[in-house]
């Protein structure tokens, strides 16, 4: 940033007059002109010194709503500025914003609506175009003296952190969530769909209401039998997000990496990412939101089988792996805001991932969002465990034909799997995933 000028136009004119008067006084020997020159210099020095010596005590409170932004959704920012300008003058306040937010809003202080108040409120709207962690601010002020000759440029605050999460695409229910209630839960009757009525009943006990008597079973058993209590269990699911360096193409940190997605003019934060990985991020936040809205407790892991947000600069709790409810939706979206591709040394899926995915006792579905998989990696991901209720995979790549061998391997293992490009609408891929034949 260029060094702020010390004087206003009137100040530069006054300085010129003072220099001219001093030069003429020296050439002509006129004491009155010397007095004029000294007056001009003294006024400039007094105005400039007063601005710097008696800096006004400004305080600022910045409020962003909503607290967590989403790509494509406007945010309202409120600035509450407390303070008074030197000598009751007017000043110009400018909010510094990252380039991706385009124009920097400017305001007149004090607010013309309440010119005599020590508090001035200002509002502006942000339109985020990309996920990431940004700094909005600092708020800078341009102050002048009552004579409008001197100038002071100062920073009022240090700015605030703003997290922009990827926006979730609303997804319809597919076979992945079939048989769930509106709250996403399964009763024991649903979990035991293969059991007979006899298994779901017990002997009558004193005090049992007669409305719970199971008459067909009573007739067969020859004694009173009642329906067993129906317990309710919270369904579980797993989401795998592949972050390998080369699985999504050569990563970069410039807008050129997003030409394939049609976003050549996007101004991006400094994230190691690609167009395919951005599509994977949107898929991950959409699927996670859909599952948790259906009542699932969701485990989110990366390609190493570790908590997916361990390296995310925006995660509220980087070591957390399980999420549920509205707080879980918020935390997953926040964690994905600044998630990047892993280092270049990680080129293949580790064997530990199979143990993480297939070595547990979870009966819930597994959804994998990956980049391009080789055939050995697809075999590793497919596994042969029967503990997973159902498995789904979205493979992000520039050429779906390259992913066909991996998709066939997953199909043979009983997975629903489709390959898609960054340009494929997620809703279309979601329906295709449901229709893919294991």
Protein backbone atom coordinates (compact mmCIF):
# COMPACT_ATOMS: atom_id res chain seq x y z
CA UNK A 1 0.00 0.00 0.00
CA UNK A 2 1.28 3.46 -0.91
CA UNK A 3 2.36 5.82 1.87
CA UNK A 4 -0.67 8.00 2.78
CA UNK A 5 -0.31 11.64 1.81
CA UNK A 6 0.13 13.97 4.81
CA UNK A 7 -2.00 16.88 3.54
CA UNK A 8 -5.30 17.55 1.87
CA UNK A 9 -5.39 19.70 -1.34
CA UNK A 10 -5.92 22.78 0.79
CA UNK A 11 -2.90 21.82 2.86
CA UNK A 12 -0.69 21.45 -0.21
CA UNK A 13 -1.90 24.86 -1.39
CA UNK A 14 -1.10 26.33 2.02
CA UNK A 15 2.36 24.75 1.91
CA UNK A 16 2.95 26.23 -1.55
CA UNK A 17 1.86 29.67 -0.37
CA UNK A 18 4.16 29.42 2.63
CA UNK A 19 7.16 28.45 0.48
CA UNK A 20 6.41 31.24 -1.99
CA UNK A 21 6.07 33.81 0.81
CA UNK A 22 9.31 32.60 2.40
CA UNK A 23 11.19 32.82 -0.91
CA UNK A 24 9.88 36.33 -1.62
CA UNK A 25 10.67 37.46 1.92
CA UNK A 26 14.25 36.23 1.44
CA UNK A 27 14.65 37.87 -1.97
CA UNK A 28 12.89 41.14 -1.15
CA UNK A 29 13.74 41.41 2.52
CA UNK A 30 10.07 41.80 3.50
CA UNK A 31 9.33 40.86 7.10
CA UNK A 32 5.56 40.84 6.55
CA UNK A 33 5.97 38.10 3.92
CA UNK A 34 8.11 36.15 6.37
CA UNK A 35 5.26 36.42 8.90
CA UNK A 36 2.84 35.02 6.31
CA UNK A 37 5.21 32.14 5.59
CA UNK A 38 5.59 31.33 9.28
CA UNK A 39 1.83 31.40 9.74
CA UNK A 40 1.31 28.94 6.88
CA UNK A 41 3.98 26.58 8.23
CA UNK A 42 2.67 26.84 11.80
CA UNK A 43 -0.90 26.06 10.75
CA UNK A 44 0.21 23.01 8.79
CA UNK A 45 2.35 21.77 11.67
CA UNK A 46 -0.40 22.34 14.24
CA UNK A 47 -3.05 20.57 12.14
CA UNK A 48 -0.81 17.63 11.28
CA UNK A 49 0.51 17.29 14.82
CA UNK A 50 -2.95 17.48 16.37
CA UNK A 51 -4.23 14.64 14.20
CA UNK A 52 -1.35 12.37 15.18
CA UNK A 53 -1.04 13.48 18.78
CA UNK A 54 -4.70 13.39 19.72
CA UNK A 55 -5.84 10.28 17.86
CA UNK A 56 -9.48 9.59 18.50
CA UNK A 57 -10.30 6.45 20.45
CA UNK A 58 -12.42 4.45 18.04
CA UNK A 59 -13.84 1.05 18.93
CA UNK A 60 -15.50 -1.31 16.51
CA UNK A 61 -17.86 -4.28 16.80
CA UNK A 62 -18.33 -6.30 13.61
CA UNK A 63 -21.25 -8.75 13.37
CA UNK A 64 -21.73 -11.22 10.51
CA UNK A 65 -25.04 -13.00 9.93
CA UNK A 66 -25.19 -15.91 9.52
CA UNK A 67 -22.09 -16.81 11.53
CA UNK A 68 -21.09 -19.50 9.02
CA UNK A 69 -21.42 -18.34 5.43
CA UNK A 70 -22.22 -20.51 2.45
CA UNK A 71 -21.11 -20.20 -1.14
CA UNK A 72 -23.72 -18.35 -3.15
CA UNK A 73 -25.66 -17.20 -0.07
CA UNK A 74 -25.49 -13.48 0.90
CA UNK A 75 -24.18 -12.47 4.31
CA UNK A 76 -25.13 -9.33 6.17
CA UNK A 77 -22.33 -7.48 7.95
CA UNK A 78 -23.00 -4.83 10.59
CA UNK A 79 -20.33 -2.39 11.78
CA UNK A 80 -20.93 -0.67 15.10
CA UNK A 81 -18.38 2.16 15.35
CA UNK A 82 -17.93 4.17 18.55
CA UNK A 83 -15.86 7.36 18.49
CA UNK A 84 -15.71 11.01 17.53
CA UNK A 85 -13.76 12.65 14.73
CA UNK A 86 -11.15 15.33 15.53
CA UNK A 87 -12.80 18.73 15.86
CA UNK A 88 -16.20 17.39 14.88
CA UNK A 89 -15.15 16.87 11.26
CA UNK A 90 -16.37 14.20 8.86
CA UNK A 91 -14.23 11.23 7.91
CA UNK A 92 -14.34 8.38 5.42
CA UNK A 93 -14.29 4.78 6.60
CA UNK A 94 -13.36 1.96 4.22
CA UNK A 95 -13.81 -1.76 4.95
CA UNK A 96 -10.93 -3.82 3.53
CA UNK A 97 -12.16 -7.02 1.83
CA UNK A 98 -10.46 -9.89 -0.02
CA UNK A 99 -10.42 -9.51 -3.78
CA UNK A 100 -12.99 -12.28 -4.23
CA UNK A 101 -15.62 -10.04 -2.62
CA UNK A 102 -14.93 -7.32 -5.18
CA UNK A 103 -15.86 -3.76 -4.12
CA UNK A 104 -14.80 -2.45 -0.71
CA UNK A 105 -17.68 -0.62 1.02
CA UNK A 106 -17.06 2.95 2.16
CA UNK A 107 -19.00 5.03 4.70
CA UNK A 108 -19.19 8.59 5.99
CA UNK A 109 -18.50 9.04 9.70
CA UNK A 110 -20.40 10.05 11.72
CA UNK A 111 -23.40 8.40 10.15
CA UNK A 112 -25.58 11.14 8.61
CA UNK A 113 -28.62 9.47 10.19
CA UNK A 114 -27.30 10.27 13.69
CA UNK A 115 -24.57 12.92 13.21
CA UNK A 116 -24.31 13.88 16.90
CA UNK A 117 -24.14 10.39 18.31
CA UNK A 118 -20.93 8.71 19.42
CA UNK A 119 -22.20 5.50 17.79
CA UNK A 120 -22.58 5.00 14.07
CA UNK A 121 -24.01 1.83 12.55
CA UNK A 122 -23.26 0.68 9.00
CA UNK A 123 -24.43 -2.30 6.98
CA UNK A 124 -23.26 -4.03 3.85
CA UNK A 125 -23.80 -7.37 2.09
CA UNK A 126 -21.22 -9.96 1.04
CA UNK A 127 -21.69 -12.40 -1.83
CA UNK A 128 -19.15 -15.23 -1.34
CA UNK A 129 -18.22 -17.09 -4.51
CA UNK A 130 -15.91 -19.73 -3.03
CA UNK A 131 -15.35 -21.66 0.17
CA UNK A 132 -12.43 -20.85 2.45
CA UNK A 133 -11.35 -18.83 5.46
CA UNK A 134 -11.10 -15.10 4.80
CA UNK A 135 -10.30 -11.98 6.78
CA UNK A 136 -12.80 -9.15 6.45
CA UNK A 137 -11.32 -5.87 7.55
CA UNK A 138 -9.49 -4.06 8.89
CA UNK A 139 -11.70 -1.01 8.86
CA UNK A 140 -9.59 1.97 7.85
CA UNK A 141 -10.37 5.63 8.42
CA UNK A 142 -9.29 8.78 6.57
CA UNK A 143 -9.37 11.69 9.03
CA UNK A 144 -8.80 15.41 8.57
CA UNK A 145 -8.62 18.49 10.80
CA UNK A 146 -11.30 21.23 11.10
CA UNK A 147 -9.40 23.38 8.56
CA UNK A 148 -9.23 20.48 6.09
CA UNK A 149 -5.48 20.88 5.54
CA UNK A 150 -3.90 17.78 7.20
CA UNK A 151 -4.68 14.13 6.60
CA UNK A 152 -4.45 10.99 8.73
CA UNK A 153 -4.95 7.42 7.51
CA UNK A 154 -5.30 4.92 10.32
CA UNK A 155 -6.47 1.37 10.93
CA UNK A 156 -9.31 1.06 13.42
CA UNK A 157 -9.21 -2.72 13.99
CA UNK A 158 -7.38 -5.87 12.86
CA UNK A 159 -10.30 -7.44 11.00
CA UNK A 160 -12.29 -10.58 11.73
CA UNK A 161 -12.15 -14.13 10.44
CA UNK A 162 -14.93 -15.22 8.11
CA UNK A 163 -15.54 -18.88 7.24
CA UNK A 164 -17.37 -19.70 4.02
CA UNK A 165 -18.60 -23.29 3.78
CA UNK A 166 -19.58 -25.14 0.61
CA UNK A 167 -23.32 -25.01 -0.05
CA UNK A 168 -25.17 -28.31 0.25
CA UNK A 169 -27.36 -29.46 -2.62
CA UNK A 170 -30.72 -30.78 -1.33
CA UNK A 171 -30.86 -34.50 -2.06
CA UNK A 172 -33.99 -36.68 -2.25
CA UNK A 173 -34.32 -39.95 -0.37
CA UNK A 174 -33.01 -42.97 -2.28
CA UNK A 175 -32.52 -46.64 -1.40
CA UNK A 176 -29.70 -45.60 0.94
CA UNK A 177 -32.26 -44.35 3.47
CA UNK A 178 -35.15 -46.69 2.64
CA UNK A 179 -37.13 -48.02 5.56
CA UNK A 180 -36.22 -45.12 7.85
CA UNK A 181 -38.75 -43.14 9.74
CA UNK A 182 -38.96 -39.37 9.35
CA UNK A 183 -36.45 -39.05 12.18
CA UNK A 184 -34.06 -41.51 10.54
CA UNK A 185 -34.55 -44.25 13.12
CA UNK A 186 -35.27 -47.98 12.77
CA UNK A 187 -37.50 -49.85 15.15
CA UNK A 188 -36.63 -53.41 16.08
CA UNK A 189 -39.53 -54.51 13.89
CA UNK A 190 -37.75 -52.98 10.87
CA UNK A 191 -34.33 -54.20 11.86
CA UNK A 192 -35.64 -57.72 12.22
CA UNK A 193 -37.68 -57.85 9.03
CA UNK A 194 -36.67 -61.49 8.52
CA UNK A 195 -37.90 -62.59 11.93
CA UNK A 196 -41.24 -64.34 12.51
CA UNK A 197 -44.08 -63.01 14.62
CA UNK A 198 -43.15 -65.54 17.28
CA UNK A 199 -39.81 -63.86 17.78
CA UNK A 200 -41.48 -60.48 18.24
CA UNK A 201 -43.74 -61.69 21.05
CA UNK A 202 -43.40 -62.79 24.66
CA UNK A 203 -45.52 -64.38 27.37
CA UNK A 204 -48.31 -62.32 28.84
CA UNK A 205 -47.42 -60.71 32.17
CA UNK A 206 -49.80 -59.41 34.80
CA UNK A 207 -50.57 -55.78 34.02
CA UNK A 208 -49.97 -55.97 30.28
CA UNK A 209 -52.77 -54.15 28.43
CA UNK A 210 -55.02 -56.41 26.40
CA UNK A 211 -54.55 -54.24 23.29
CA UNK A 212 -50.99 -55.63 23.07
CA UNK A 213 -52.11 -59.26 22.90
CA UNK A 214 -50.97 -60.87 19.64
CA UNK A 215 -54.01 -63.06 18.90
CA UNK A 216 -52.65 -65.12 15.96
CA UNK A 217 -49.60 -66.18 17.99
CA UNK A 218 -51.80 -66.73 21.06
CA UNK A 219 -53.92 -69.12 19.01
CA UNK A 220 -50.88 -71.05 17.83
CA UNK A 221 -49.17 -71.19 21.23
CA UNK A 222 -52.27 -71.91 23.24
CA UNK A 223 -51.43 -69.20 25.77
CA UNK A 224 -51.62 -65.43 25.91
CA UNK A 225 -48.78 -63.80 23.99
CA UNK A 226 -48.17 -60.06 23.71
CA UNK A 227 -46.14 -58.00 21.30
CA UNK A 228 -42.62 -57.30 22.53
CA UNK A 229 -41.50 -53.76 23.27
CA UNK A 230 -40.25 -52.03 20.17
CA UNK A 231 -36.91 -50.44 20.88
CA UNK A 232 -35.64 -47.65 18.72
CA UNK A 233 -32.04 -47.44 17.56
CA UNK A 234 -30.27 -44.51 15.98
CA UNK A 235 -28.92 -45.48 12.57
CA UNK A 236 -25.25 -45.04 11.81
CA UNK A 237 -23.48 -44.28 8.55
CA UNK A 238 -19.94 -43.64 7.35
CA UNK A 239 -18.72 -41.06 4.88
CA UNK A 240 -15.29 -41.48 3.30
CA UNK A 241 -13.76 -38.43 1.62
CA UNK A 242 -10.69 -39.11 -0.49
CA UNK A 243 -8.12 -36.25 -0.32
CA UNK A 244 -5.20 -37.77 -2.17
CA UNK A 245 -3.00 -35.33 -4.04
CA UNK A 246 -3.22 -36.81 -7.54
CA UNK A 247 -6.58 -38.60 -7.36
CA UNK A 248 -8.34 -35.45 -8.55
CA UNK A 249 -5.79 -34.26 -11.10
CA UNK A 250 -2.81 -31.98 -10.67
CA UNK A 251 -3.65 -29.58 -7.82
CA UNK A 252 -2.93 -25.89 -7.94
CA UNK A 253 -3.63 -22.57 -6.26
CA UNK A 254 -4.90 -20.42 -9.13
CA UNK A 255 -8.10 -19.82 -11.07
CA UNK A 256 -6.65 -21.72 -14.03
CA UNK A 257 -7.38 -24.98 -12.17
CA UNK A 258 -11.10 -24.21 -12.36
CA UNK A 259 -11.47 -23.63 -16.08
CA UNK A 260 -12.90 -27.14 -16.45
CA UNK A 261 -15.69 -26.21 -14.05
CA UNK A 262 -16.51 -23.00 -15.93
CA UNK A 263 -15.29 -20.69 -13.15
CA UNK A 264 -12.45 -18.91 -14.89
CA UNK A 265 -13.20 -15.59 -13.20
CA UNK A 266 -13.40 -16.96 -9.67
CA UNK A 267 -11.12 -15.28 -7.14
CA UNK A 268 -10.06 -18.06 -4.83
CA UNK A 269 -8.46 -18.35 -1.40
CA UNK A 270 -5.08 -20.00 -1.15
CA UNK A 271 -6.27 -23.61 -1.06
CA UNK A 272 -4.60 -26.64 -2.63
CA UNK A 273 -7.50 -27.93 -4.69
CA UNK A 274 -8.81 -28.80 -8.15
CA UNK A 275 -12.15 -28.56 -9.92
CA UNK A 276 -12.77 -32.27 -9.28
CA UNK A 277 -11.97 -31.91 -5.58
CA UNK A 278 -14.32 -28.93 -5.32
CA UNK A 279 -17.07 -31.13 -6.79
CA UNK A 280 -16.17 -33.81 -4.22
CA UNK A 281 -16.45 -31.23 -1.42
CA UNK A 282 -19.94 -30.24 -2.57
CA UNK A 283 -20.93 -33.91 -2.81
CA UNK A 284 -19.58 -34.59 0.69
CA UNK A 285 -21.40 -31.70 2.37
CA UNK A 286 -24.63 -32.55 0.53
CA UNK A 287 -24.54 -36.24 1.46
CA UNK A 288 -23.56 -35.51 5.05
CA UNK A 289 -26.38 -32.99 5.41
CA UNK A 290 -28.88 -35.41 3.89
CA UNK A 291 -27.90 -38.28 6.18
CA UNK A 292 -27.88 -36.23 9.37
CA UNK A 293 -31.23 -34.66 8.49
CA UNK A 294 -32.52 -38.24 8.27
CA UNK A 295 -31.32 -38.84 11.83
CA UNK A 296 -28.08 -40.71 11.17
CA UNK A 297 -25.02 -40.49 13.35
CA UNK A 298 -22.32 -39.97 10.75
CA UNK A 299 -18.66 -40.92 10.93
CA UNK A 300 -16.53 -38.86 8.53
CA UNK A 301 -13.05 -40.13 7.66
CA UNK A 302 -10.45 -39.41 5.01
CA UNK A 303 -8.53 -41.77 2.72
CA UNK A 304 -6.26 -42.80 5.60
CA UNK A 305 -9.16 -43.79 7.83
CA UNK A 306 -8.45 -40.82 10.12
CA UNK A 307 -10.86 -38.04 11.12
CA UNK A 308 -11.45 -36.14 7.89
CA UNK A 309 -10.86 -32.65 9.33
CA UNK A 310 -7.56 -33.17 11.15
CA UNK A 311 -5.78 -30.76 8.79
CA UNK A 312 -8.65 -28.36 8.15
CA UNK A 313 -7.98 -24.79 9.25
CA UNK A 314 -11.72 -24.18 9.64
CA UNK A 315 -12.79 -27.24 11.66
CA UNK A 316 -14.31 -26.40 15.08
CA UNK A 317 -12.90 -29.69 16.46
CA UNK A 318 -10.36 -31.21 14.02
CA UNK A 319 -10.07 -34.53 15.86
CA UNK A 320 -13.81 -35.17 15.90
CA UNK A 321 -15.03 -38.05 13.72
CA UNK A 322 -18.72 -38.57 14.58
CA UNK A 323 -21.43 -36.02 13.89
CA UNK A 324 -25.19 -35.87 14.32
CA UNK A 325 -28.07 -33.42 14.38
CA UNK A 326 -28.03 -29.77 13.45
CA UNK A 327 -24.76 -29.15 15.30
CA UNK A 328 -23.20 -31.96 13.32
CA UNK A 329 -24.37 -30.44 10.03
CA UNK A 330 -22.83 -27.12 11.05
CA UNK A 331 -19.52 -28.71 12.13
CA UNK A 332 -19.14 -30.80 8.96
CA UNK A 333 -19.82 -27.78 6.73
CA UNK A 334 -17.34 -25.70 8.74
CA UNK A 335 -14.70 -28.43 8.54
CA UNK A 336 -15.07 -28.67 4.77
CA UNK A 337 -14.70 -24.89 4.33
CA UNK A 338 -10.89 -24.91 4.31
CA UNK A 339 -10.17 -28.59 3.65
CA UNK A 340 -7.35 -29.12 1.15
CA UNK A 341 -5.82 -31.96 -0.79
CA UNK A 342 -3.18 -33.92 1.09
CA UNK A 343 0.53 -33.84 0.35
CA UNK A 344 1.98 -35.20 -2.92
CA UNK A 345 3.48 -38.22 -1.18
CA UNK A 346 0.08 -39.89 -0.67
CA UNK A 347 -0.68 -41.52 -4.01
CA UNK A 348 -2.44 -44.80 -3.06
CA UNK A 349 -5.08 -45.83 -0.56
CA UNK A 350 -3.39 -47.35 2.53
CA UNK A 351 -4.25 -50.86 3.68
CA UNK A 352 -5.32 -49.45 7.05
CA UNK A 353 -8.37 -47.93 5.36
CA UNK A 354 -9.91 -51.37 4.70
CA UNK A 355 -9.59 -52.29 8.38
CA UNK A 356 -11.22 -48.98 9.35
CA UNK A 357 -14.16 -49.43 6.98
CA UNK A 358 -14.72 -53.19 7.17
CA UNK A 359 -13.31 -54.17 10.54
CA UNK A 360 -16.02 -52.67 12.71
CA UNK A 361 -19.55 -53.73 13.60
CA UNK A 362 -21.51 -50.90 11.99
CA UNK A 363 -24.66 -52.01 10.18
CA UNK A 364 -25.19 -48.63 8.54
CA UNK A 365 -24.44 -47.58 4.98
CA UNK A 366 -21.03 -46.48 3.73
CA UNK A 367 -20.74 -43.65 1.22
CA UNK A 368 -17.36 -43.02 -0.40
CA UNK A 369 -16.57 -39.82 -2.32
CA UNK A 370 -13.28 -40.43 -4.10
CA UNK A 371 -11.11 -39.31 -6.95
CA UNK A 372 -9.94 -41.63 -9.69
CA UNK A 373 -9.28 -45.15 -8.33
CA UNK A 374 -6.93 -47.74 -9.74
CA UNK A 375 -8.13 -51.35 -9.88
CA UNK A 376 -6.10 -52.42 -6.78
CA UNK A 377 -7.47 -49.39 -4.90
CA UNK A 378 -11.03 -50.29 -5.90
CA UNK A 379 -10.49 -53.85 -4.65
CA UNK A 380 -9.11 -52.49 -1.37
CA UNK A 381 -12.08 -50.17 -0.96
CA UNK A 382 -14.63 -52.85 -1.87
CA UNK A 383 -13.40 -55.32 0.77
CA UNK A 384 -15.36 -58.46 1.58
CA UNK A 385 -16.92 -57.59 4.92
CA UNK A 386 -20.57 -58.31 5.54
CA UNK A 387 -20.85 -55.83 8.39
CA UNK A 388 -21.71 -52.93 6.07
CA UNK A 389 -25.42 -52.66 5.34
CA UNK A 390 -24.99 -51.03 1.92
CA UNK A 391 -22.16 -49.27 0.09
CA UNK A 392 -22.19 -46.35 -2.33
CA UNK A 393 -19.35 -44.62 -4.18
CA UNK A 394 -19.05 -41.43 -6.24
CA UNK A 395 -15.83 -41.26 -8.26
CA UNK A 396 -14.84 -37.74 -9.37
CA UNK A 397 -12.61 -37.54 -12.43
CA UNK A 398 -12.25 -35.64 -15.69
CA UNK A 399 -12.92 -38.72 -17.85
CA UNK A 400 -15.48 -41.24 -16.52
CA UNK A 401 -14.17 -43.83 -18.97
CA UNK A 402 -10.94 -44.01 -16.95
CA UNK A 403 -12.96 -44.96 -13.87
CA UNK A 404 -14.91 -47.78 -15.52
CA UNK A 405 -12.57 -50.62 -14.34
CA UNK A 406 -12.86 -49.41 -10.75
CA UNK A 407 -16.65 -49.02 -11.05
CA UNK A 408 -16.97 -52.60 -12.35
CA UNK A 409 -14.94 -53.94 -9.42
CA UNK A 410 -17.15 -52.08 -6.95
CA UNK A 411 -20.29 -53.36 -8.68
CA UNK A 412 -19.06 -56.94 -8.45
CA UNK A 413 -18.51 -56.42 -4.72
CA UNK A 414 -22.12 -55.27 -4.27
CA UNK A 415 -21.52 -51.52 -4.29
CA UNK A 416 -23.64 -48.87 -5.95
CA UNK A 417 -21.04 -46.81 -7.82
CA UNK A 418 -20.96 -44.14 -10.53
CA UNK A 419 -18.22 -42.01 -12.06
CA UNK A 420 -18.88 -38.32 -12.73
CA UNK A 421 -17.05 -35.19 -13.81
CA UNK A 422 -16.92 -31.78 -12.08
CA UNK A 423 -19.52 -30.60 -14.59
CA UNK A 424 -22.05 -33.34 -13.76
CA UNK A 425 -24.98 -32.01 -11.69
CA UNK A 426 -24.86 -33.67 -8.29
CA UNK A 427 -28.60 -34.34 -8.32
CA UNK A 428 -28.26 -36.31 -11.57
CA UNK A 429 -25.33 -38.29 -10.15
CA UNK A 430 -27.31 -39.01 -6.98
CA UNK A 431 -30.20 -40.51 -8.95
CA UNK A 432 -27.73 -42.44 -11.11
CA UNK A 433 -26.09 -43.79 -7.97
CA UNK A 434 -29.43 -45.10 -6.76
CA UNK A 435 -30.05 -46.77 -10.11
CA UNK A 436 -26.60 -48.27 -10.56
CA UNK A 437 -26.81 -52.05 -10.48
CA UNK A 438 -24.55 -53.79 -7.95
